[in-house]
Amino acid sequence: SRYRMGWYRQAPGKQRELVARITSGGST
């Protein structure tokens, strides 16, 4: 419940990018 969670993605030949993030307080 105290972790900041995120989803990243990486396509071939590209850098990994942040897609979405949610904080412990629910901010997105």
mmCIF file of all heavy atoms, coordinates in Angstrom:
data_MODEL
# 
_entry.id   MODEL 
# 
loop_
_atom_site.group_PDB 
_atom_site.id 
_atom_site.type_symbol 
_atom_site.label_atom_id 
_atom_site.label_alt_id 
_atom_site.label_comp_id 
_atom_site.label_asym_id 
_atom_site.label_entity_id 
_atom_site.label_seq_id 
_atom_site.pdbx_PDB_ins_code 
_atom_site.Cartn_x 
_atom_site.Cartn_y 
_atom_site.Cartn_z 
_atom_site.occupancy 
_atom_site.B_iso_or_equiv 
_atom_site.pdbx_formal_charge 
_atom_site.auth_seq_id 
_atom_site.auth_comp_id 
_atom_site.auth_asym_id 
_atom_site.auth_atom_id 
_atom_site.pdbx_PDB_model_num 
ATOM 1   N N   . SER A 1 1  ? 0.806  -1.209 0.000   1.00 0.00 ? 1  SER A N   1 
ATOM 2   C CA  . SER A 1 1  ? 0.000  0.000  0.000   1.00 0.00 ? 1  SER A CA  1 
ATOM 3   C C   . SER A 1 1  ? 0.843  1.265  0.000   1.00 0.00 ? 1  SER A C   1 
ATOM 4   O O   . SER A 1 1  ? 0.333  2.336  -0.351  1.00 0.00 ? 1  SER A O   1 
ATOM 5   C CB  . SER A 1 1  ? -0.946 0.017  1.199   1.00 0.00 ? 1  SER A CB  1 
ATOM 6   O OG  . SER A 1 1  ? -0.221 0.048  2.416   1.00 0.00 ? 1  SER A OG  1 
ATOM 7   N N   . ARG A 1 2  ? 2.110  1.156  0.358   1.00 0.00 ? 2  ARG A N   1 
ATOM 8   C CA  . ARG A 1 2  ? 2.995  2.307  0.381   1.00 0.00 ? 2  ARG A CA  1 
ATOM 9   C C   . ARG A 1 2  ? 3.890  2.413  -0.856  1.00 0.00 ? 2  ARG A C   1 
ATOM 10  O O   . ARG A 1 2  ? 4.655  3.362  -0.975  1.00 0.00 ? 2  ARG A O   1 
ATOM 11  C CB  . ARG A 1 2  ? 3.869  2.282  1.643   1.00 0.00 ? 2  ARG A CB  1 
ATOM 12  C CG  . ARG A 1 2  ? 3.056  2.422  2.931   1.00 0.00 ? 2  ARG A CG  1 
ATOM 13  C CD  . ARG A 1 2  ? 3.943  2.747  4.118   1.00 0.00 ? 2  ARG A CD  1 
ATOM 14  N NE  . ARG A 1 2  ? 4.743  1.603  4.543   1.00 0.00 ? 2  ARG A NE  1 
ATOM 15  C CZ  . ARG A 1 2  ? 4.346  0.702  5.430   1.00 0.00 ? 2  ARG A CZ  1 
ATOM 16  N NH1 . ARG A 1 2  ? 3.146  0.799  5.997   1.00 0.00 ? 2  ARG A NH1 1 
ATOM 17  N NH2 . ARG A 1 2  ? 5.149  -0.295 5.766   1.00 0.00 ? 2  ARG A NH2 1 
ATOM 18  N N   . TYR A 1 3  ? 3.794  1.459  -1.770  1.00 0.00 ? 3  TYR A N   1 
ATOM 19  C CA  . TYR A 1 3  ? 4.612  1.483  -2.979  1.00 0.00 ? 3  TYR A CA  1 
ATOM 20  C C   . TYR A 1 3  ? 4.024  2.404  -4.028  1.00 0.00 ? 3  TYR A C   1 
ATOM 21  O O   . TYR A 1 3  ? 2.806  2.537  -4.150  1.00 0.00 ? 3  TYR A O   1 
ATOM 22  C CB  . TYR A 1 3  ? 4.724  0.092  -3.594  1.00 0.00 ? 3  TYR A CB  1 
ATOM 23  C CG  . TYR A 1 3  ? 5.387  -0.962 -2.757  1.00 0.00 ? 3  TYR A CG  1 
ATOM 24  C CD1 . TYR A 1 3  ? 5.132  -2.308 -3.008  1.00 0.00 ? 3  TYR A CD1 1 
ATOM 25  C CD2 . TYR A 1 3  ? 6.264  -0.643 -1.742  1.00 0.00 ? 3  TYR A CD2 1 
ATOM 26  C CE1 . TYR A 1 3  ? 5.735  -3.297 -2.267  1.00 0.00 ? 3  TYR A CE1 1 
ATOM 27  C CE2 . TYR A 1 3  ? 6.872  -1.631 -0.983  1.00 0.00 ? 3  TYR A CE2 1 
ATOM 28  C CZ  . TYR A 1 3  ? 6.604  -2.956 -1.257  1.00 0.00 ? 3  TYR A CZ  1 
ATOM 29  O OH  . TYR A 1 3  ? 7.211  -3.937 -0.512  1.00 0.00 ? 3  TYR A OH  1 
ATOM 30  N N   . ARG A 1 4  ? 4.902  3.013  -4.816  1.00 0.00 ? 4  ARG A N   1 
ATOM 31  C CA  . ARG A 1 4  ? 4.499  3.677  -6.039  1.00 0.00 ? 4  ARG A CA  1 
ATOM 32  C C   . ARG A 1 4  ? 4.616  2.671  -7.176  1.00 0.00 ? 4  ARG A C   1 
ATOM 33  O O   . ARG A 1 4  ? 5.702  2.146  -7.436  1.00 0.00 ? 4  ARG A O   1 
ATOM 34  C CB  . ARG A 1 4  ? 5.375  4.896  -6.312  1.00 0.00 ? 4  ARG A CB  1 
ATOM 35  C CG  . ARG A 1 4  ? 4.903  5.704  -7.513  1.00 0.00 ? 4  ARG A CG  1 
ATOM 36  C CD  . ARG A 1 4  ? 5.734  6.958  -7.728  1.00 0.00 ? 4  ARG A CD  1 
ATOM 37  N NE  . ARG A 1 4  ? 7.057  6.638  -8.222  1.00 0.00 ? 4  ARG A NE  1 
ATOM 38  C CZ  . ARG A 1 4  ? 7.950  7.551  -8.594  1.00 0.00 ? 4  ARG A CZ  1 
ATOM 39  N NH1 . ARG A 1 4  ? 7.652  8.847  -8.500  1.00 0.00 ? 4  ARG A NH1 1 
ATOM 40  N NH2 . ARG A 1 4  ? 9.136  7.171  -9.030  1.00 0.00 ? 4  ARG A NH2 1 
ATOM 41  N N   . MET A 1 5  ? 3.505  2.387  -7.829  1.00 0.00 ? 5  MET A N   1 
ATOM 42  C CA  . MET A 1 5  ? 3.445  1.379  -8.871  1.00 0.00 ? 5  MET A CA  1 
ATOM 43  C C   . MET A 1 5  ? 3.419  2.038  -10.240 1.00 0.00 ? 5  MET A C   1 
ATOM 44  O O   . MET A 1 5  ? 2.834  3.108  -10.418 1.00 0.00 ? 5  MET A O   1 
ATOM 45  C CB  . MET A 1 5  ? 2.201  0.502  -8.716  1.00 0.00 ? 5  MET A CB  1 
ATOM 46  C CG  . MET A 1 5  ? 2.039  -0.133 -7.348  1.00 0.00 ? 5  MET A CG  1 
ATOM 47  S SD  . MET A 1 5  ? 3.358  -1.312 -6.967  1.00 0.00 ? 5  MET A SD  1 
ATOM 48  C CE  . MET A 1 5  ? 3.135  -2.507 -8.292  1.00 0.00 ? 5  MET A CE  1 
ATOM 49  N N   . GLY A 1 6  ? 4.023  1.376  -11.195 1.00 0.00 ? 6  GLY A N   1 
ATOM 50  C CA  . GLY A 1 6  ? 4.022  1.905  -12.547 1.00 0.00 ? 6  GLY A CA  1 
ATOM 51  C C   . GLY A 1 6  ? 3.996  0.805  -13.585 1.00 0.00 ? 6  GLY A C   1 
ATOM 52  O O   . GLY A 1 6  ? 4.287  -0.365 -13.301 1.00 0.00 ? 6  GLY A O   1 
ATOM 53  N N   . TRP A 1 7  ? 3.619  1.188  -14.786 1.00 0.00 ? 7  TRP A N   1 
ATOM 54  C CA  . TRP A 1 7  ? 3.708  0.336  -15.963 1.00 0.00 ? 7  TRP A CA  1 
ATOM 55  C C   . TRP A 1 7  ? 4.578  1.040  -16.989 1.00 0.00 ? 7  TRP A C   1 
ATOM 56  O O   . TRP A 1 7  ? 4.359  2.220  -17.297 1.00 0.00 ? 7  TRP A O   1 
ATOM 57  C CB  . TRP A 1 7  ? 2.338  0.031  -16.558 1.00 0.00 ? 7  TRP A CB  1 
ATOM 58  C CG  . TRP A 1 7  ? 1.517  -0.920 -15.746 1.00 0.00 ? 7  TRP A CG  1 
ATOM 59  C CD1 . TRP A 1 7  ? 0.560  -0.620 -14.836 1.00 0.00 ? 7  TRP A CD1 1 
ATOM 60  C CD2 . TRP A 1 7  ? 1.596  -2.350 -15.798 1.00 0.00 ? 7  TRP A CD2 1 
ATOM 61  N NE1 . TRP A 1 7  ? 0.027  -1.768 -14.300 1.00 0.00 ? 7  TRP A NE1 1 
ATOM 62  C CE2 . TRP A 1 7  ? 0.642  -2.843 -14.877 1.00 0.00 ? 7  TRP A CE2 1 
ATOM 63  C CE3 . TRP A 1 7  ? 2.357  -3.250 -16.524 1.00 0.00 ? 7  TRP A CE3 1 
ATOM 64  C CZ2 . TRP A 1 7  ? 0.443  -4.208 -14.666 1.00 0.00 ? 7  TRP A CZ2 1 
ATOM 65  C CZ3 . TRP A 1 7  ? 2.159  -4.610 -16.310 1.00 0.00 ? 7  TRP A CZ3 1 
ATOM 66  C CH2 . TRP A 1 7  ? 1.213  -5.067 -15.393 1.00 0.00 ? 7  TRP A CH2 1 
ATOM 67  N N   . TYR A 1 8  ? 5.560  0.318  -17.488 1.00 0.00 ? 8  TYR A N   1 
ATOM 68  C CA  . TYR A 1 8  ? 6.420  0.776  -18.569 1.00 0.00 ? 8  TYR A CA  1 
ATOM 69  C C   . TYR A 1 8  ? 6.241  -0.148 -19.763 1.00 0.00 ? 8  TYR A C   1 
ATOM 70  O O   . TYR A 1 8  ? 5.725  -1.262 -19.630 1.00 0.00 ? 8  TYR A O   1 
ATOM 71  C CB  . TYR A 1 8  ? 7.889  0.760  -18.146 1.00 0.00 ? 8  TYR A CB  1 
ATOM 72  C CG  . TYR A 1 8  ? 8.292  1.824  -17.144 1.00 0.00 ? 8  TYR A CG  1 
ATOM 73  C CD1 . TYR A 1 8  ? 7.862  1.768  -15.829 1.00 0.00 ? 8  TYR A CD1 1 
ATOM 74  C CD2 . TYR A 1 8  ? 9.140  2.862  -17.514 1.00 0.00 ? 8  TYR A CD2 1 
ATOM 75  C CE1 . TYR A 1 8  ? 8.249  2.731  -14.911 1.00 0.00 ? 8  TYR A CE1 1 
ATOM 76  C CE2 . TYR A 1 8  ? 9.538  3.827  -16.604 1.00 0.00 ? 8  TYR A CE2 1 
ATOM 77  C CZ  . TYR A 1 8  ? 9.085  3.751  -15.306 1.00 0.00 ? 8  TYR A CZ  1 
ATOM 78  O OH  . TYR A 1 8  ? 9.479  4.704  -14.393 1.00 0.00 ? 8  TYR A OH  1 
ATOM 79  N N   . ARG A 1 9  ? 6.680  0.310  -20.914 1.00 0.00 ? 9  ARG A N   1 
ATOM 80  C CA  . ARG A 1 9  ? 6.682  -0.550 -22.084 1.00 0.00 ? 9  ARG A CA  1 
ATOM 81  C C   . ARG A 1 9  ? 7.927  -0.293 -22.914 1.00 0.00 ? 9  ARG A C   1 
ATOM 82  O O   . ARG A 1 9  ? 8.504  0.791  -22.879 1.00 0.00 ? 9  ARG A O   1 
ATOM 83  C CB  . ARG A 1 9  ? 5.426  -0.358 -22.937 1.00 0.00 ? 9  ARG A CB  1 
ATOM 84  C CG  . ARG A 1 9  ? 5.306  0.992  -23.624 1.00 0.00 ? 9  ARG A CG  1 
ATOM 85  C CD  . ARG A 1 9  ? 3.959  1.113  -24.322 1.00 0.00 ? 9  ARG A CD  1 
ATOM 86  N NE  . ARG A 1 9  ? 3.807  2.382  -25.012 1.00 0.00 ? 9  ARG A NE  1 
ATOM 87  C CZ  . ARG A 1 9  ? 2.677  2.803  -25.556 1.00 0.00 ? 9  ARG A CZ  1 
ATOM 88  N NH1 . ARG A 1 9  ? 1.580  2.044  -25.488 1.00 0.00 ? 9  ARG A NH1 1 
ATOM 89  N NH2 . ARG A 1 9  ? 2.628  3.973  -26.177 1.00 0.00 ? 9  ARG A NH2 1 
ATOM 90  N N   . GLN A 1 10 ? 8.329  -1.312 -23.652 1.00 0.00 ? 10 GLN A N   1 
ATOM 91  C CA  . GLN A 1 10 ? 9.481  -1.205 -24.522 1.00 0.00 ? 10 GLN A CA  1 
ATOM 92  C C   . GLN A 1 10 ? 9.192  -1.927 -25.828 1.00 0.00 ? 10 GLN A C   1 
ATOM 93  O O   . GLN A 1 10 ? 8.941  -3.129 -25.839 1.00 0.00 ? 10 GLN A O   1 
ATOM 94  C CB  . GLN A 1 10 ? 10.734 -1.790 -23.865 1.00 0.00 ? 10 GLN A CB  1 
ATOM 95  C CG  . GLN A 1 10 ? 11.998 -1.543 -24.658 1.00 0.00 ? 10 GLN A CG  1 
ATOM 96  C CD  . GLN A 1 10 ? 13.239 -1.834 -23.853 1.00 0.00 ? 10 GLN A CD  1 
ATOM 97  O OE1 . GLN A 1 10 ? 13.212 -2.600 -22.894 1.00 0.00 ? 10 GLN A OE1 1 
ATOM 98  N NE2 . GLN A 1 10 ? 14.346 -1.216 -24.226 1.00 0.00 ? 10 GLN A NE2 1 
ATOM 99  N N   . ALA A 1 11 ? 9.214  -1.172 -26.908 1.00 0.00 ? 11 ALA A N   1 
ATOM 100 C CA  . ALA A 1 11 ? 9.047  -1.718 -28.238 1.00 0.00 ? 11 ALA A CA  1 
ATOM 101 C C   . ALA A 1 11 ? 10.420 -1.975 -28.848 1.00 0.00 ? 11 ALA A C   1 
ATOM 102 O O   . ALA A 1 11 ? 11.410 -1.359 -28.444 1.00 0.00 ? 11 ALA A O   1 
ATOM 103 C CB  . ALA A 1 11 ? 8.241  -0.760 -29.115 1.00 0.00 ? 11 ALA A CB  1 
ATOM 104 N N   . PRO A 1 12 ? 10.508 -2.868 -29.833 1.00 0.00 ? 12 PRO A N   1 
ATOM 105 C CA  . PRO A 1 12 ? 11.806 -3.153 -30.460 1.00 0.00 ? 12 PRO A CA  1 
ATOM 106 C C   . PRO A 1 12 ? 12.470 -1.895 -30.990 1.00 0.00 ? 12 PRO A C   1 
ATOM 107 O O   . PRO A 1 12 ? 11.840 -1.080 -31.675 1.00 0.00 ? 12 PRO A O   1 
ATOM 108 C CB  . PRO A 1 12 ? 11.449 -4.107 -31.595 1.00 0.00 ? 12 PRO A CB  1 
ATOM 109 C CG  . PRO A 1 12 ? 10.196 -4.778 -31.136 1.00 0.00 ? 12 PRO A CG  1 
ATOM 110 C CD  . PRO A 1 12 ? 9.439  -3.721 -30.385 1.00 0.00 ? 12 PRO A CD  1 
ATOM 111 N N   . GLY A 1 13 ? 13.738 -1.718 -30.652 1.00 0.00 ? 13 GLY A N   1 
ATOM 112 C CA  . GLY A 1 13 ? 14.495 -0.579 -31.120 1.00 0.00 ? 13 GLY A CA  1 
ATOM 113 C C   . GLY A 1 13 ? 14.213 0.722  -30.411 1.00 0.00 ? 13 GLY A C   1 
ATOM 114 O O   . GLY A 1 13 ? 14.750 1.761  -30.820 1.00 0.00 ? 13 GLY A O   1 
ATOM 115 N N   . LYS A 1 14 ? 13.399 0.702  -29.372 1.00 0.00 ? 14 LYS A N   1 
ATOM 116 C CA  . LYS A 1 14 ? 13.042 1.915  -28.657 1.00 0.00 ? 14 LYS A CA  1 
ATOM 117 C C   . LYS A 1 14 ? 13.431 1.814  -27.192 1.00 0.00 ? 14 LYS A C   1 
ATOM 118 O O   . LYS A 1 14 ? 13.610 0.725  -26.653 1.00 0.00 ? 14 LYS A O   1 
ATOM 119 C CB  . LYS A 1 14 ? 11.542 2.192  -28.771 1.00 0.00 ? 14 LYS A CB  1 
ATOM 120 C CG  . LYS A 1 14 ? 11.057 2.475  -30.186 1.00 0.00 ? 14 LYS A CG  1 
ATOM 121 C CD  . LYS A 1 14 ? 9.587  2.833  -30.190 1.00 0.00 ? 14 LYS A CD  1 
ATOM 122 C CE  . LYS A 1 14 ? 9.100  3.156  -31.587 1.00 0.00 ? 14 LYS A CE  1 
ATOM 123 N NZ  . LYS A 1 14 ? 7.649  3.501  -31.589 1.00 0.00 ? 14 LYS A NZ  1 
ATOM 124 N N   . GLN A 1 15 ? 13.559 2.967  -26.562 1.00 0.00 ? 15 GLN A N   1 
ATOM 125 C CA  . GLN A 1 15 ? 13.814 3.021  -25.133 1.00 0.00 ? 15 GLN A CA  1 
ATOM 126 C C   . GLN A 1 15 ? 12.567 2.641  -24.348 1.00 0.00 ? 15 GLN A C   1 
ATOM 127 O O   . GLN A 1 15 ? 11.439 2.824  -24.812 1.00 0.00 ? 15 GLN A O   1 
ATOM 128 C CB  . GLN A 1 15 ? 14.263 4.432  -24.730 1.00 0.00 ? 15 GLN A CB  1 
ATOM 129 C CG  . GLN A 1 15 ? 15.605 4.850  -25.299 1.00 0.00 ? 15 GLN A CG  1 
ATOM 130 C CD  . GLN A 1 15 ? 16.739 4.113  -24.650 1.00 0.00 ? 15 GLN A CD  1 
ATOM 131 O OE1 . GLN A 1 15 ? 16.809 4.001  -23.421 1.00 0.00 ? 15 GLN A OE1 1 
ATOM 132 N NE2 . GLN A 1 15 ? 17.646 3.597  -25.461 1.00 0.00 ? 15 GLN A NE2 1 
ATOM 133 N N   . ARG A 1 16 ? 12.781 2.096  -23.165 1.00 0.00 ? 16 ARG A N   1 
ATOM 134 C CA  . ARG A 1 16 ? 11.664 1.823  -22.283 1.00 0.00 ? 16 ARG A CA  1 
ATOM 135 C C   . ARG A 1 16 ? 11.034 3.148  -21.845 1.00 0.00 ? 16 ARG A C   1 
ATOM 136 O O   . ARG A 1 16 ? 11.736 4.091  -21.471 1.00 0.00 ? 16 ARG A O   1 
ATOM 137 C CB  . ARG A 1 16 ? 12.144 1.031  -21.069 1.00 0.00 ? 16 ARG A CB  1 
ATOM 138 C CG  . ARG A 1 16 ? 11.023 0.544  -20.170 1.00 0.00 ? 16 ARG A CG  1 
ATOM 139 C CD  . ARG A 1 16 ? 11.542 -0.386 -19.078 1.00 0.00 ? 16 ARG A CD  1 
ATOM 140 N NE  . ARG A 1 16 ? 12.130 -1.591 -19.644 1.00 0.00 ? 16 ARG A NE  1 
ATOM 141 C CZ  . ARG A 1 16 ? 12.548 -2.629 -18.923 1.00 0.00 ? 16 ARG A CZ  1 
ATOM 142 N NH1 . ARG A 1 16 ? 12.420 -2.605 -17.596 1.00 0.00 ? 16 ARG A NH1 1 
ATOM 143 N NH2 . ARG A 1 16 ? 13.083 -3.671 -19.525 1.00 0.00 ? 16 ARG A NH2 1 
ATOM 144 N N   . GLU A 1 17 ? 9.715  3.214  -21.904 1.00 0.00 ? 17 GLU A N   1 
ATOM 145 C CA  . GLU A 1 17 ? 9.017  4.444  -21.576 1.00 0.00 ? 17 GLU A CA  1 
ATOM 146 C C   . GLU A 1 17 ? 7.968  4.203  -20.508 1.00 0.00 ? 17 GLU A C   1 
ATOM 147 O O   . GLU A 1 17 ? 7.349  3.138  -20.447 1.00 0.00 ? 17 GLU A O   1 
ATOM 148 C CB  . GLU A 1 17 ? 8.359  5.057  -22.823 1.00 0.00 ? 17 GLU A CB  1 
ATOM 149 C CG  . GLU A 1 17 ? 7.268  4.205  -23.438 1.00 0.00 ? 17 GLU A CG  1 
ATOM 150 C CD  . GLU A 1 17 ? 6.529  4.902  -24.567 1.00 0.00 ? 17 GLU A CD  1 
ATOM 151 O OE1 . GLU A 1 17 ? 6.580  6.149  -24.644 1.00 0.00 ? 17 GLU A OE1 1 
ATOM 152 O OE2 . GLU A 1 17 ? 5.894  4.193  -25.381 1.00 0.00 ? 17 GLU A OE2 1 
ATOM 153 N N   . LEU A 1 18 ? 7.767  5.213  -19.692 1.00 0.00 ? 18 LEU A N   1 
ATOM 154 C CA  . LEU A 1 18 ? 6.730  5.165  -18.673 1.00 0.00 ? 18 LEU A CA  1 
ATOM 155 C C   . LEU A 1 18 ? 5.373  5.346  -19.327 1.00 0.00 ? 18 LEU A C   1 
ATOM 156 O O   . LEU A 1 18 ? 5.147  6.314  -20.052 1.00 0.00 ? 18 LEU A O   1 
ATOM 157 C CB  . LEU A 1 18 ? 6.966  6.254  -17.631 1.00 0.00 ? 18 LEU A CB  1 
ATOM 158 C CG  . LEU A 1 18 ? 5.902  6.412  -16.548 1.00 0.00 ? 18 LEU A CG  1 
ATOM 159 C CD1 . LEU A 1 18 ? 5.810  5.157  -15.689 1.00 0.00 ? 18 LEU A CD1 1 
ATOM 160 C CD2 . LEU A 1 18 ? 6.198  7.640  -15.690 1.00 0.00 ? 18 LEU A CD2 1 
ATOM 161 N N   . VAL A 1 19 ? 4.465  4.423  -19.047 1.00 0.00 ? 19 VAL A N   1 
ATOM 162 C CA  . VAL A 1 19 ? 3.115  4.468  -19.580 1.00 0.00 ? 19 VAL A CA  1 
ATOM 163 C C   . VAL A 1 19 ? 2.146  5.066  -18.576 1.00 0.00 ? 19 VAL A C   1 
ATOM 164 O O   . VAL A 1 19 ? 1.342  5.939  -18.914 1.00 0.00 ? 19 VAL A O   1 
ATOM 165 C CB  . VAL A 1 19 ? 2.646  3.062  -19.996 1.00 0.00 ? 19 VAL A CB  1 
ATOM 166 C CG1 . VAL A 1 19 ? 1.191  3.083  -20.452 1.00 0.00 ? 19 VAL A CG1 1 
ATOM 167 C CG2 . VAL A 1 19 ? 3.542  2.511  -21.097 1.00 0.00 ? 19 VAL A CG2 1 
ATOM 168 N N   . ALA A 1 20 ? 2.195  4.586  -17.347 1.00 0.00 ? 20 ALA A N   1 
ATOM 169 C CA  . ALA A 1 20 ? 1.274  5.037  -16.310 1.00 0.00 ? 20 ALA A CA  1 
ATOM 170 C C   . ALA A 1 20 ? 1.884  4.784  -14.946 1.00 0.00 ? 20 ALA A C   1 
ATOM 171 O O   . ALA A 1 20 ? 2.704  3.879  -14.779 1.00 0.00 ? 20 ALA A O   1 
ATOM 172 C CB  . ALA A 1 20 ? -0.078 4.330  -16.420 1.00 0.00 ? 20 ALA A CB  1 
ATOM 173 N N   . ARG A 1 21 ? 1.461  5.569  -13.983 1.00 0.00 ? 21 ARG A N   1 
ATOM 174 C CA  . ARG A 1 21 ? 1.971  5.445  -12.624 1.00 0.00 ? 21 ARG A CA  1 
ATOM 175 C C   . ARG A 1 21 ? 0.859  5.782  -11.645 1.00 0.00 ? 21 ARG A C   1 
ATOM 176 O O   . ARG A 1 21 ? 0.024  6.653  -11.918 1.00 0.00 ? 21 ARG A O   1 
ATOM 177 C CB  . ARG A 1 21 ? 3.169  6.387  -12.433 1.00 0.00 ? 21 ARG A CB  1 
ATOM 178 C CG  . ARG A 1 21 ? 3.802  6.374  -11.067 1.00 0.00 ? 21 ARG A CG  1 
ATOM 179 C CD  . ARG A 1 21 ? 5.019  7.287  -11.058 1.00 0.00 ? 21 ARG A CD  1 
ATOM 180 N NE  . ARG A 1 21 ? 6.184  6.658  -11.661 1.00 0.00 ? 21 ARG A NE  1 
ATOM 181 C CZ  . ARG A 1 21 ? 7.218  7.315  -12.176 1.00 0.00 ? 21 ARG A CZ  1 
ATOM 182 N NH1 . ARG A 1 21 ? 7.222  8.645  -12.191 1.00 0.00 ? 21 ARG A NH1 1 
ATOM 183 N NH2 . ARG A 1 21 ? 8.239  6.650  -12.683 1.00 0.00 ? 21 ARG A NH2 1 
ATOM 184 N N   . ILE A 1 22 ? 0.858  5.102  -10.501 1.00 0.00 ? 22 ILE A N   1 
ATOM 185 C CA  . ILE A 1 22 ? -0.101 5.397  -9.448  1.00 0.00 ? 22 ILE A CA  1 
ATOM 186 C C   . ILE A 1 22 ? 0.638  5.405  -8.120  1.00 0.00 ? 22 ILE A C   1 
ATOM 187 O O   . ILE A 1 22 ? 1.402  4.498  -7.806  1.00 0.00 ? 22 ILE A O   1 
ATOM 188 C CB  . ILE A 1 22 ? -1.282 4.398  -9.446  1.00 0.00 ? 22 ILE A CB  1 
ATOM 189 C CG1 . ILE A 1 22 ? -2.333 4.805  -8.411  1.00 0.00 ? 22 ILE A CG1 1 
ATOM 190 C CG2 . ILE A 1 22 ? -0.810 2.965  -9.242  1.00 0.00 ? 22 ILE A CG2 1 
ATOM 191 C CD1 . ILE A 1 22 ? -3.650 4.057  -8.568  1.00 0.00 ? 22 ILE A CD1 1 
ATOM 192 N N   . THR A 1 23 ? 0.420  6.442  -7.329  1.00 0.00 ? 23 THR A N   1 
ATOM 193 C CA  . THR A 1 23 ? 1.085  6.591  -6.055  1.00 0.00 ? 23 THR A CA  1 
ATOM 194 C C   . THR A 1 23 ? 0.310  5.868  -4.965  1.00 0.00 ? 23 THR A C   1 
ATOM 195 O O   . THR A 1 23 ? -0.798 5.372  -5.171  1.00 0.00 ? 23 THR A O   1 
ATOM 196 C CB  . THR A 1 23 ? 1.231  8.065  -5.680  1.00 0.00 ? 23 THR A CB  1 
ATOM 197 O OG1 . THR A 1 23 ? -0.062 8.609  -5.400  1.00 0.00 ? 23 THR A OG1 1 
ATOM 198 C CG2 . THR A 1 23 ? 1.881  8.854  -6.810  1.00 0.00 ? 23 THR A CG2 1 
ATOM 199 N N   . SER A 1 24 ? 0.914  5.823  -3.786  1.00 0.00 ? 24 SER A N   1 
ATOM 200 C CA  . SER A 1 24 ? 0.235  5.214  -2.649  1.00 0.00 ? 24 SER A CA  1 
ATOM 201 C C   . SER A 1 24 ? -1.048 5.947  -2.303  1.00 0.00 ? 24 SER A C   1 
ATOM 202 O O   . SER A 1 24 ? -1.978 5.342  -1.760  1.00 0.00 ? 24 SER A O   1 
ATOM 203 C CB  . SER A 1 24 ? 1.164  5.181  -1.437  1.00 0.00 ? 24 SER A CB  1 
ATOM 204 O OG  . SER A 1 24 ? 1.559  6.492  -1.058  1.00 0.00 ? 24 SER A OG  1 
ATOM 205 N N   . GLY A 1 25 ? -1.105 7.230  -2.605  1.00 0.00 ? 25 GLY A N   1 
ATOM 206 C CA  . GLY A 1 25 ? -2.294 8.014  -2.341  1.00 0.00 ? 25 GLY A CA  1 
ATOM 207 C C   . GLY A 1 25 ? -3.328 7.988  -3.446  1.00 0.00 ? 25 GLY A C   1 
ATOM 208 O O   . GLY A 1 25 ? -4.386 8.609  -3.305  1.00 0.00 ? 25 GLY A O   1 
ATOM 209 N N   . GLY A 1 26 ? -3.033 7.281  -4.544  1.00 0.00 ? 26 GLY A N   1 
ATOM 210 C CA  . GLY A 1 26 ? -3.995 7.141  -5.614  1.00 0.00 ? 26 GLY A CA  1 
ATOM 211 C C   . GLY A 1 26 ? -3.857 8.145  -6.739  1.00 0.00 ? 26 GLY A C   1 
ATOM 212 O O   . GLY A 1 26 ? -4.650 8.106  -7.690  1.00 0.00 ? 26 GLY A O   1 
ATOM 213 N N   . SER A 1 27 ? -2.877 9.035  -6.668  1.00 0.00 ? 27 SER A N   1 
ATOM 214 C CA  . SER A 1 27 ? -2.653 9.957  -7.770  1.00 0.00 ? 27 SER A CA  1 
ATOM 215 C C   . SER A 1 27 ? -2.103 9.202  -8.972  1.00 0.00 ? 27 SER A C   1 
ATOM 216 O O   . SER A 1 27 ? -1.290 8.292  -8.818  1.00 0.00 ? 27 SER A O   1 
ATOM 217 C CB  . SER A 1 27 ? -1.684 11.059 -7.363  1.00 0.00 ? 27 SER A CB  1 
ATOM 218 O OG  . SER A 1 27 ? -2.214 11.841 -6.318  1.00 0.00 ? 27 SER A OG  1 
ATOM 219 N N   . THR A 1 28 ? -2.524 9.582  -10.160 1.00 0.00 ? 28 THR A N   1 
ATOM 220 C CA  . THR A 1 28 ? -2.136 8.872  -11.371 1.00 0.00 ? 28 THR A CA  1 
ATOM 221 C C   . THR A 1 28 ? -1.450 9.790  -12.356 1.00 0.00 ? 28 THR A C   1 
ATOM 222 O O   . THR A 1 28 ? -1.655 11.010 -12.361 1.00 0.00 ? 28 THR A O   1 
ATOM 223 C CB  . THR A 1 28 ? -3.348 8.223  -12.056 1.00 0.00 ? 28 THR A CB  1 
ATOM 224 O OG1 . THR A 1 28 ? -4.325 9.230  -12.350 1.00 0.00 ? 28 THR A OG1 1 
ATOM 225 C CG2 . THR A 1 28 ? -3.960 7.162  -11.158 1.00 0.00 ? 28 THR A CG2 1 
# 
